[in-house]
């Protein structure tokens, strides 16, 4: 993984972006020799963060659907329930 400091980033942002587009390899950003961030390609970002959260949200929705789809213990036919509702009016 390539490492650059904040000064290098400010001085050559265009080159850094070009390198990121060309290689797709993440770039470690340092300030005062301490890592402070990582610059990643949009593809890496989508795969690691956007798609991951969307997958988690889909799983949550599917789990809720499955929970709601559990068969009712009441085996009364729907037609009978509707008839009773109409007759009660």
PDB file of N, CA and C in Angstrom:
ATOM      1  N   UNK A   1       0.846  -1.168   0.000  1.00  0.00           N
ATOM      2  CA  UNK A   1       0.000   0.000   0.000  1.00  0.00           C
ATOM      3  C   UNK A   1       0.891   1.231   0.000  1.00  0.00           C
ATOM      4  N   UNK A   2       0.570   2.134  -0.901  1.00  0.00           N
ATOM      5  CA  UNK A   2       1.324   3.374  -0.996  1.00  0.00           C
ATOM      6  C   UNK A   2       0.960   4.280   0.179  1.00  0.00           C
ATOM      7  N   UNK A   3       1.939   5.025   0.681  1.00  0.00           N
ATOM      8  CA  UNK A   3       1.724   5.944   1.792  1.00  0.00           C
ATOM      9  C   UNK A   3       2.131   7.345   1.359  1.00  0.00           C
ATOM     10  N   UNK A   4       1.281   8.323   1.679  1.00  0.00           N
ATOM     11  CA  UNK A   4       1.620   9.722   1.417  1.00  0.00           C
ATOM     12  C   UNK A   4       1.261  10.536   2.652  1.00  0.00           C
ATOM     13  N   UNK A   5       1.911  11.703   2.758  1.00  0.00           N
ATOM     14  CA  UNK A   5       1.550  12.575   3.876  1.00  0.00           C
ATOM     15  C   UNK A   5       0.653  13.701   3.374  1.00  0.00           C
ATOM     16  N   UNK A   6       0.099  14.448   4.296  1.00  0.00           N
ATOM     17  CA  UNK A   6      -0.854  15.499   3.948  1.00  0.00           C
ATOM     18  C   UNK A   6      -0.238  16.544   3.017  1.00  0.00           C
ATOM     19  N   UNK A   7       1.022  16.883   3.225  1.00  0.00           N
ATOM     20  CA  UNK A   7       1.685  17.869   2.368  1.00  0.00           C
ATOM     21  C   UNK A   7       1.791  17.344   0.939  1.00  0.00           C
ATOM     22  N   UNK A   8       2.219  16.090   0.781  1.00  0.00           N
ATOM     23  CA  UNK A   8       2.300  15.500  -0.553  1.00  0.00           C
ATOM     24  C   UNK A   8       0.936  15.475  -1.230  1.00  0.00           C
ATOM     25  N   UNK A   9      -0.090  15.188  -0.460  1.00  0.00           N
ATOM     26  CA  UNK A   9      -1.433  15.150  -1.018  1.00  0.00           C
ATOM     27  C   UNK A   9      -1.839  16.535  -1.526  1.00  0.00           C
ATOM     28  N   UNK A  10      -1.583  17.555  -0.726  1.00  0.00           N
ATOM     29  CA  UNK A  10      -1.938  18.923  -1.152  1.00  0.00           C
ATOM     30  C   UNK A  10      -1.161  19.339  -2.392  1.00  0.00           C
ATOM     31  N   UNK A  11       0.112  18.960  -2.459  1.00  0.00           N
ATOM     32  CA  UNK A  11       0.962  19.392  -3.564  1.00  0.00           C
ATOM     33  C   UNK A  11       0.698  18.620  -4.860  1.00  0.00           C
ATOM     34  N   UNK A  12       0.206  17.398  -4.747  1.00  0.00           N
ATOM     35  CA  UNK A  12       0.057  16.595  -5.962  1.00  0.00           C
ATOM     36  C   UNK A  12      -1.232  15.777  -5.971  1.00  0.00           C
ATOM     37  N   UNK A  13      -2.322  16.431  -5.668  1.00  0.00           N
ATOM     38  CA  UNK A  13      -3.604  15.738  -5.617  1.00  0.00           C
ATOM     39  C   UNK A  13      -3.941  15.083  -6.957  1.00  0.00           C
ATOM     40  N   UNK A  14      -3.681  15.769  -8.036  1.00  0.00           N
ATOM     41  CA  UNK A  14      -3.969  15.221  -9.366  1.00  0.00           C
ATOM     42  C   UNK A  14      -3.233  13.924  -9.620  1.00  0.00           C
ATOM     43  N   UNK A  15      -1.956  13.869  -9.238  1.00  0.00           N
ATOM     44  CA  UNK A  15      -1.160  12.646  -9.429  1.00  0.00           C
ATOM     45  C   UNK A  15      -1.674  11.519  -8.545  1.00  0.00           C
ATOM     46  N   UNK A  16      -2.056  11.860  -7.331  1.00  0.00           N
ATOM     47  CA  UNK A  16      -2.572  10.854  -6.393  1.00  0.00           C
ATOM     48  C   UNK A  16      -3.864  10.251  -6.948  1.00  0.00           C
ATOM     49  N   UNK A  17      -4.747  11.105  -7.434  1.00  0.00           N
ATOM     50  CA  UNK A  17      -6.012  10.631  -8.001  1.00  0.00           C
ATOM     51  C   UNK A  17      -5.750   9.773  -9.240  1.00  0.00           C
ATOM     52  N   UNK A  18      -4.826  10.190 -10.074  1.00  0.00           N
ATOM     53  CA  UNK A  18      -4.490   9.418 -11.279  1.00  0.00           C
ATOM     54  C   UNK A  18      -3.951   8.045 -10.904  1.00  0.00           C
ATOM     55  N   UNK A  19      -3.089   7.994  -9.892  1.00  0.00           N
ATOM     56  CA  UNK A  19      -2.541   6.718  -9.443  1.00  0.00           C
ATOM     57  C   UNK A  19      -3.646   5.820  -8.883  1.00  0.00           C
ATOM     58  N   UNK A  20      -4.556   6.407  -8.151  1.00  0.00           N
ATOM     59  CA  UNK A  20      -5.675   5.647  -7.590  1.00  0.00           C
ATOM     60  C   UNK A  20      -6.542   5.076  -8.704  1.00  0.00           C
ATOM     61  N   UNK A  21      -6.820   5.878  -9.720  1.00  0.00           N
ATOM     62  CA  UNK A  21      -7.624   5.403 -10.844  1.00  0.00           C
ATOM     63  C   UNK A  21      -6.897   4.295 -11.610  1.00  0.00           C
ATOM     64  N   UNK A  22      -5.586   4.445 -11.756  1.00  0.00           N
ATOM     65  CA  UNK A  22      -4.807   3.477 -12.542  1.00  0.00           C
ATOM     66  C   UNK A  22      -4.662   2.143 -11.821  1.00  0.00           C
ATOM     67  N   UNK A  23      -4.280   2.172 -10.561  1.00  0.00           N
ATOM     68  CA  UNK A  23      -3.991   0.931  -9.841  1.00  0.00           C
ATOM     69  C   UNK A  23      -5.163   0.431  -9.000  1.00  0.00           C
ATOM     70  N   UNK A  24      -5.993   1.339  -8.506  1.00  0.00           N
ATOM     71  CA  UNK A  24      -7.083   0.956  -7.619  1.00  0.00           C
ATOM     72  C   UNK A  24      -6.613   0.585  -6.228  1.00  0.00           C
ATOM     73  N   UNK A  25      -5.316   0.702  -5.994  1.00  0.00           N
ATOM     74  CA  UNK A  25      -4.739   0.338  -4.696  1.00  0.00           C
ATOM     75  C   UNK A  25      -4.994   1.445  -3.668  1.00  0.00           C
ATOM     76  N   UNK A  26      -5.461   1.094  -2.477  1.00  0.00           N
ATOM     77  CA  UNK A  26      -5.688   2.106  -1.437  1.00  0.00           C
ATOM     78  C   UNK A  26      -4.401   2.868  -1.116  1.00  0.00           C
ATOM     79  N   UNK A  27      -4.562   4.110  -0.700  1.00  0.00           N
ATOM     80  CA  UNK A  27      -3.424   4.964  -0.361  1.00  0.00           C
ATOM     81  C   UNK A  27      -3.581   5.395   1.094  1.00  0.00           C
ATOM     82  N   UNK A  28      -2.573   5.104   1.907  1.00  0.00           N
ATOM     83  CA  UNK A  28      -2.585   5.452   3.319  1.00  0.00           C
ATOM     84  C   UNK A  28      -2.153   6.909   3.469  1.00  0.00           C
ATOM     85  N   UNK A  29      -2.961   7.696   4.160  1.00  0.00           N
ATOM     86  CA  UNK A  29      -2.669   9.105   4.376  1.00  0.00           C
ATOM     87  C   UNK A  29      -2.157   9.294   5.800  1.00  0.00           C
ATOM     88  N   UNK A  30      -0.989   9.942   5.908  1.00  0.00           N
ATOM     89  CA  UNK A  30      -0.383  10.171   7.212  1.00  0.00           C
ATOM     90  C   UNK A  30      -0.267  11.660   7.495  1.00  0.00           C
ATOM     91  N   UNK A  31      -0.296  11.978   8.774  1.00  0.00           N
ATOM     92  CA  UNK A  31      -0.012  13.344   9.219  1.00  0.00           C
ATOM     93  C   UNK A  31       0.942  13.200  10.398  1.00  0.00           C
ATOM     94  N   UNK A  32       2.123  13.776  10.247  1.00  0.00           N
ATOM     95  CA  UNK A  32       3.131  13.652  11.300  1.00  0.00           C
ATOM     96  C   UNK A  32       3.524  12.202  11.539  1.00  0.00           C
ATOM     97  N   UNK A  33       3.619  11.434  10.489  1.00  0.00           N
ATOM     98  CA  UNK A  33       4.009  10.013  10.519  1.00  0.00           C
ATOM     99  C   UNK A  33       2.989   9.115  11.221  1.00  0.00           C
ATOM    100  N   UNK A  34       1.801   9.635  11.449  1.00  0.00           N
ATOM    101  CA  UNK A  34       0.730   8.834  12.046  1.00  0.00           C
ATOM    102  C   UNK A  34      -0.372   8.644  11.007  1.00  0.00           C
ATOM    103  N   UNK A  35      -0.828   7.415  10.827  1.00  0.00           N
ATOM    104  CA  UNK A  35      -1.920   7.187   9.876  1.00  0.00           C
ATOM    105  C   UNK A  35      -3.191   7.908  10.326  1.00  0.00           C
ATOM    106  N   UNK A  36      -3.815   8.645   9.394  1.00  0.00           N
ATOM    107  CA  UNK A  36      -5.045   9.358   9.727  1.00  0.00           C
ATOM    108  C   UNK A  36      -6.209   8.981   8.810  1.00  0.00           C
ATOM    109  N   UNK A  37      -5.925   8.291   7.730  1.00  0.00           N
ATOM    110  CA  UNK A  37      -7.002   7.921   6.816  1.00  0.00           C
ATOM    111  C   UNK A  37      -6.491   7.085   5.664  1.00  0.00           C
ATOM    112  N   UNK A  38      -7.438   6.637   4.873  1.00  0.00           N
ATOM    113  CA  UNK A  38      -7.119   5.843   3.693  1.00  0.00           C
ATOM    114  C   UNK A  38      -7.951   6.371   2.538  1.00  0.00           C
ATOM    115  N   UNK A  39      -7.322   6.542   1.410  1.00  0.00           N
ATOM    116  CA  UNK A  39      -8.023   6.950   0.201  1.00  0.00           C
ATOM    117  C   UNK A  39      -8.235   5.678  -0.615  1.00  0.00           C
ATOM    118  N   UNK A  40      -9.506   5.396  -0.935  1.00  0.00           N
ATOM    119  CA  UNK A  40      -9.826   4.179  -1.683  1.00  0.00           C
ATOM    120  C   UNK A  40     -10.566   4.535  -2.955  1.00  0.00           C
ATOM    121  N   UNK A  41     -10.549   3.614  -3.911  1.00  0.00           N
ATOM    122  CA  UNK A  41     -11.279   3.827  -5.154  1.00  0.00           C
ATOM    123  C   UNK A  41     -12.769   3.748  -4.875  1.00  0.00           C
ATOM    124  N   UNK A  42     -13.555   4.299  -5.776  1.00  0.00           N
ATOM    125  CA  UNK A  42     -15.007   4.268  -5.599  1.00  0.00           C
ATOM    126  C   UNK A  42     -15.506   2.822  -5.620  1.00  0.00           C
ATOM    127  N   UNK A  43     -14.867   1.972  -6.398  1.00  0.00           N
ATOM    128  CA  UNK A  43     -15.265   0.563  -6.446  1.00  0.00           C
ATOM    129  C   UNK A  43     -15.055  -0.106  -5.086  1.00  0.00           C
ATOM    130  N   UNK A  44     -13.896   0.117  -4.476  1.00  0.00           N
ATOM    131  CA  UNK A  44     -13.635  -0.432  -3.134  1.00  0.00           C
ATOM    132  C   UNK A  44     -14.635   0.119  -2.119  1.00  0.00           C
ATOM    133  N   UNK A  45     -14.898   1.403  -2.195  1.00  0.00           N
ATOM    134  CA  UNK A  45     -15.843   2.016  -1.274  1.00  0.00           C
ATOM    135  C   UNK A  45     -17.217   1.371  -1.382  1.00  0.00           C
ATOM    136  N   UNK A  46     -17.695   1.201  -2.616  1.00  0.00           N
ATOM    137  CA  UNK A  46     -19.019   0.604  -2.816  1.00  0.00           C
ATOM    138  C   UNK A  46     -19.061  -0.836  -2.336  1.00  0.00           C
ATOM    139  N   UNK A  47     -18.020  -1.607  -2.642  1.00  0.00           N
ATOM    140  CA  UNK A  47     -17.993  -3.015  -2.241  1.00  0.00           C
ATOM    141  C   UNK A  47     -17.918  -3.170  -0.727  1.00  0.00           C
ATOM    142  N   UNK A  48     -17.141  -2.332  -0.091  1.00  0.00           N
ATOM    143  CA  UNK A  48     -16.890  -2.502   1.343  1.00  0.00           C
ATOM    144  C   UNK A  48     -17.909  -1.821   2.239  1.00  0.00           C
ATOM    145  N   UNK A  49     -18.503  -0.745   1.768  1.00  0.00           N
ATOM    146  CA  UNK A  49     -19.370   0.025   2.649  1.00  0.00           C
ATOM    147  C   UNK A  49     -20.807   0.100   2.144  1.00  0.00           C
ATOM    148  N   UNK A  50     -21.007   0.581   0.942  1.00  0.00           N
ATOM    149  CA  UNK A  50     -22.362   0.781   0.424  1.00  0.00           C
ATOM    150  C   UNK A  50     -23.075  -0.546   0.261  1.00  0.00           C
ATOM    151  N   UNK A  51     -22.461  -1.483  -0.466  1.00  0.00           N
ATOM    152  CA  UNK A  51     -23.102  -2.765  -0.704  1.00  0.00           C
ATOM    153  C   UNK A  51     -23.255  -3.568   0.584  1.00  0.00           C
ATOM    154  N   UNK A  52     -22.283  -3.438   1.477  1.00  0.00           N
ATOM    155  CA  UNK A  52     -22.364  -4.162   2.753  1.00  0.00           C
ATOM    156  C   UNK A  52     -23.559  -3.678   3.575  1.00  0.00           C
ATOM    157  N   UNK A  53     -23.748  -2.379   3.644  1.00  0.00           N
ATOM    158  CA  UNK A  53     -24.878  -1.868   4.416  1.00  0.00           C
ATOM    159  C   UNK A  53     -26.199  -2.184   3.723  1.00  0.00           C
ATOM    160  N   UNK A  54     -26.216  -2.159   2.386  1.00  0.00           N
ATOM    161  CA  UNK A  54     -27.436  -2.518   1.655  1.00  0.00           C
ATOM    162  C   UNK A  54     -27.764  -3.985   1.859  1.00  0.00           C
ATOM    163  N   UNK A  55     -26.755  -4.829   1.873  1.00  0.00           N
ATOM    164  CA  UNK A  55     -26.971  -6.255   2.108  1.00  0.00           C
ATOM    165  C   UNK A  55     -27.519  -6.484   3.509  1.00  0.00           C
ATOM    166  N   UNK A  56     -26.983  -5.787   4.475  1.00  0.00           N
ATOM    167  CA  UNK A  56     -27.466  -5.915   5.853  1.00  0.00           C
ATOM    168  C   UNK A  56     -28.920  -5.450   5.952  1.00  0.00           C
ATOM    169  N   UNK A  57     -29.246  -4.364   5.266  1.00  0.00           N
ATOM    170  CA  UNK A  57     -30.622  -3.859   5.292  1.00  0.00           C
ATOM    171  C   UNK A  57     -31.571  -4.845   4.612  1.00  0.00           C
ATOM    172  N   UNK A  58     -31.143  -5.431   3.478  1.00  0.00           N
ATOM    173  CA  UNK A  58     -31.977  -6.443   2.805  1.00  0.00           C
ATOM    174  C   UNK A  58     -32.212  -7.638   3.712  1.00  0.00           C
ATOM    175  N   UNK A  59     -31.176  -8.081   4.414  1.00  0.00           N
ATOM    176  CA  UNK A  59     -31.308  -9.222   5.319  1.00  0.00           C
ATOM    177  C   UNK A  59     -32.312  -8.902   6.422  1.00  0.00           C
ATOM    178  N   UNK A  60     -32.232  -7.695   6.941  1.00  0.00           N
ATOM    179  CA  UNK A  60     -33.161  -7.270   7.992  1.00  0.00           C
ATOM    180  C   UNK A  60     -34.601  -7.310   7.479  1.00  0.00           C
ATOM    181  N   UNK A  61     -34.816  -6.829   6.267  1.00  0.00           N
ATOM    182  CA  UNK A  61     -36.159  -6.839   5.674  1.00  0.00           C
ATOM    183  C   UNK A  61     -36.633  -8.265   5.436  1.00  0.00           C
ATOM    184  N   UNK A  62     -35.774  -9.119   4.882  1.00  0.00           N
ATOM    185  CA  UNK A  62     -36.150 -10.518   4.643  1.00  0.00           C
ATOM    186  C   UNK A  62     -36.483 -11.231   5.946  1.00  0.00           C
ATOM    187  N   UNK A  63     -35.708 -10.964   6.987  1.00  0.00           N
ATOM    188  CA  UNK A  63     -35.985 -11.577   8.289  1.00  0.00           C
ATOM    189  C   UNK A  63     -37.344 -11.132   8.825  1.00  0.00           C
ATOM    190  N   UNK A  64     -37.657  -9.860   8.634  1.00  0.00           N
ATOM    191  CA  UNK A  64     -38.960  -9.346   9.083  1.00  0.00           C
ATOM    192  C   UNK A  64     -40.095  -9.981   8.280  1.00  0.00           C
ATOM    193  N   UNK A  65     -39.913 -10.128   6.980  1.00  0.00           N
ATOM    194  CA  UNK A  65     -40.926 -10.782   6.142  1.00  0.00           C
ATOM    195  C   UNK A  65     -41.127 -12.222   6.595  1.00  0.00           C
ATOM    196  N   UNK A  66     -40.025 -12.918   6.834  1.00  0.00           N
ATOM    197  CA  UNK A  66     -40.118 -14.314   7.278  1.00  0.00           C
ATOM    198  C   UNK A  66     -40.837 -14.405   8.615  1.00  0.00           C
ATOM    199  N   UNK A  67     -40.561 -13.473   9.503  1.00  0.00           N
ATOM    200  CA  UNK A  67     -41.218 -13.466  10.804  1.00  0.00           C
ATOM    201  C   UNK A  67     -42.722 -13.260  10.647  1.00  0.00           C
ATOM    202  N   UNK A  68     -43.079 -12.349   9.752  1.00  0.00           N
ATOM    203  CA  UNK A  68     -44.495 -12.063   9.539  1.00  0.00           C
ATOM    204  C   UNK A  68     -45.213 -13.166   8.767  1.00  0.00           C
ATOM    205  N   UNK A  69     -44.458 -13.938   8.002  1.00  0.00           N
ATOM    206  CA  UNK A  69     -45.058 -14.977   7.167  1.00  0.00           C
ATOM    207  C   UNK A  69     -45.300 -16.278   7.911  1.00  0.00           C
ATOM    208  N   UNK A  70     -44.899 -16.353   9.158  1.00  0.00           N
ATOM    209  CA  UNK A  70     -45.125 -17.575   9.937  1.00  0.00           C
ATOM    210  C   UNK A  70     -46.624 -17.831  10.000  1.00  0.00           C
ATOM    211  N   UNK A  71     -46.974 -19.060   9.718  1.00  0.00           N
ATOM    212  CA  UNK A  71     -48.398 -19.407   9.651  1.00  0.00           C
ATOM    213  C   UNK A  71     -49.098 -19.095  10.972  1.00  0.00           C
ATOM    214  N   UNK A  72     -50.308 -18.595  10.840  1.00  0.00           N
ATOM    215  CA  UNK A  72     -51.126 -18.289  12.007  1.00  0.00           C
ATOM    216  C   UNK A  72     -51.592 -19.590  12.648  1.00  0.00           C
ATOM    217  N   UNK A  73     -51.802 -19.582  13.938  1.00  0.00           N
ATOM    218  CA  UNK A  73     -52.299 -20.770  14.631  1.00  0.00           C
ATOM    219  C   UNK A  73     -53.797 -20.943  14.396  1.00  0.00           C
ATOM    220  N   UNK A  74     -54.439 -19.857  14.030  1.00  0.00           N
ATOM    221  CA  UNK A  74     -55.875 -19.910  13.743  1.00  0.00           C
ATOM    222  C   UNK A  74     -56.058 -20.456  12.330  1.00  0.00           C
ATOM    223  N   UNK A  75     -56.670 -21.611  12.209  1.00  0.00           N
ATOM    224  CA  UNK A  75     -56.846 -22.265  10.911  1.00  0.00           C
ATOM    225  C   UNK A  75     -58.232 -22.012  10.320  1.00  0.00           C
ATOM    226  N   UNK A  76     -58.918 -20.990  10.809  1.00  0.00           N
ATOM    227  CA  UNK A  76     -60.234 -20.653  10.280  1.00  0.00           C
ATOM    228  C   UNK A  76     -60.079 -20.193   8.831  1.00  0.00           C
ATOM    229  N   UNK A  77     -60.873 -20.767   7.933  1.00  0.00           N
ATOM    230  CA  UNK A  77     -60.785 -20.354   6.519  1.00  0.00           C
ATOM    231  C   UNK A  77     -61.092 -18.866   6.354  1.00  0.00           C
ATOM    232  N   UNK A  78     -60.421 -18.236   5.432  1.00  0.00           N
ATOM    233  CA  UNK A  78     -60.575 -16.808   5.195  1.00  0.00           C
ATOM    234  C   UNK A  78     -62.020 -16.482   4.820  1.00  0.00           C
ATOM    235  N   UNK A  79     -62.642 -17.332   4.005  1.00  0.00           N
ATOM    236  CA  UNK A  79     -64.029 -17.089   3.584  1.00  0.00           C
ATOM    237  C   UNK A  79     -64.960 -17.014   4.792  1.00  0.00           C
ATOM    238  N   UNK A  80     -64.749 -17.862   5.765  1.00  0.00           N
ATOM    239  CA  UNK A  80     -65.589 -17.860   6.966  1.00  0.00           C
ATOM    240  C   UNK A  80     -65.390 -16.570   7.758  1.00  0.00           C
ATOM    241  N   UNK A  81     -64.147 -16.130   7.876  1.00  0.00           N
ATOM    242  CA  UNK A  81     -63.857 -14.889   8.602  1.00  0.00           C
ATOM    243  C   UNK A  81     -64.533 -13.711   7.904  1.00  0.00           C
ATOM    244  N   UNK A  82     -64.425 -13.654   6.573  1.00  0.00           N
ATOM    245  CA  UNK A  82     -65.053 -12.566   5.825  1.00  0.00           C
ATOM    246  C   UNK A  82     -66.574 -12.592   5.975  1.00  0.00           C
ATOM    247  N   UNK A  83     -67.167 -13.798   5.931  1.00  0.00           N
ATOM    248  CA  UNK A  83     -68.613 -13.936   6.093  1.00  0.00           C
ATOM    249  C   UNK A  83     -69.043 -13.408   7.464  1.00  0.00           C
ATOM    250  N   UNK A  84     -68.271 -13.768   8.482  1.00  0.00           N
ATOM    251  CA  UNK A  84     -68.601 -13.317   9.837  1.00  0.00           C
ATOM    252  C   UNK A  84     -68.482 -11.798   9.968  1.00  0.00           C
ATOM    253  N   UNK A  85     -67.488 -11.230   9.306  1.00  0.00           N
ATOM    254  CA  UNK A  85     -67.324  -9.770   9.345  1.00  0.00           C
ATOM    255  C   UNK A  85     -68.479  -9.072   8.648  1.00  0.00           C
ATOM    256  N   UNK A  86     -68.927  -9.616   7.494  1.00  0.00           N
ATOM    257  CA  UNK A  86     -70.054  -9.023   6.776  1.00  0.00           C
ATOM    258  C   UNK A  86     -71.356  -9.152   7.560  1.00  0.00           C
ATOM    259  N   UNK A  87     -71.527 -10.301   8.193  1.00  0.00           N
ATOM    260  CA  UNK A  87     -72.761 -10.551   8.937  1.00  0.00           C
ATOM    261  C   UNK A  87     -72.843  -9.711  10.207  1.00  0.00           C
ATOM    262  N   UNK A  88     -71.715  -9.315  10.742  1.00  0.00           N
ATOM    263  CA  UNK A  88     -71.729  -8.555  11.997  1.00  0.00           C
ATOM    264  C   UNK A  88     -72.135  -7.108  11.781  1.00  0.00           C
ATOM    265  N   UNK A  89     -72.135  -6.629  10.553  1.00  0.00           N
ATOM    266  CA  UNK A  89     -72.525  -5.232  10.269  1.00  0.00           C
ATOM    267  C   UNK A  89     -73.972  -5.040  10.245  1.00  0.00           C
TER     268      UNK A  89
END
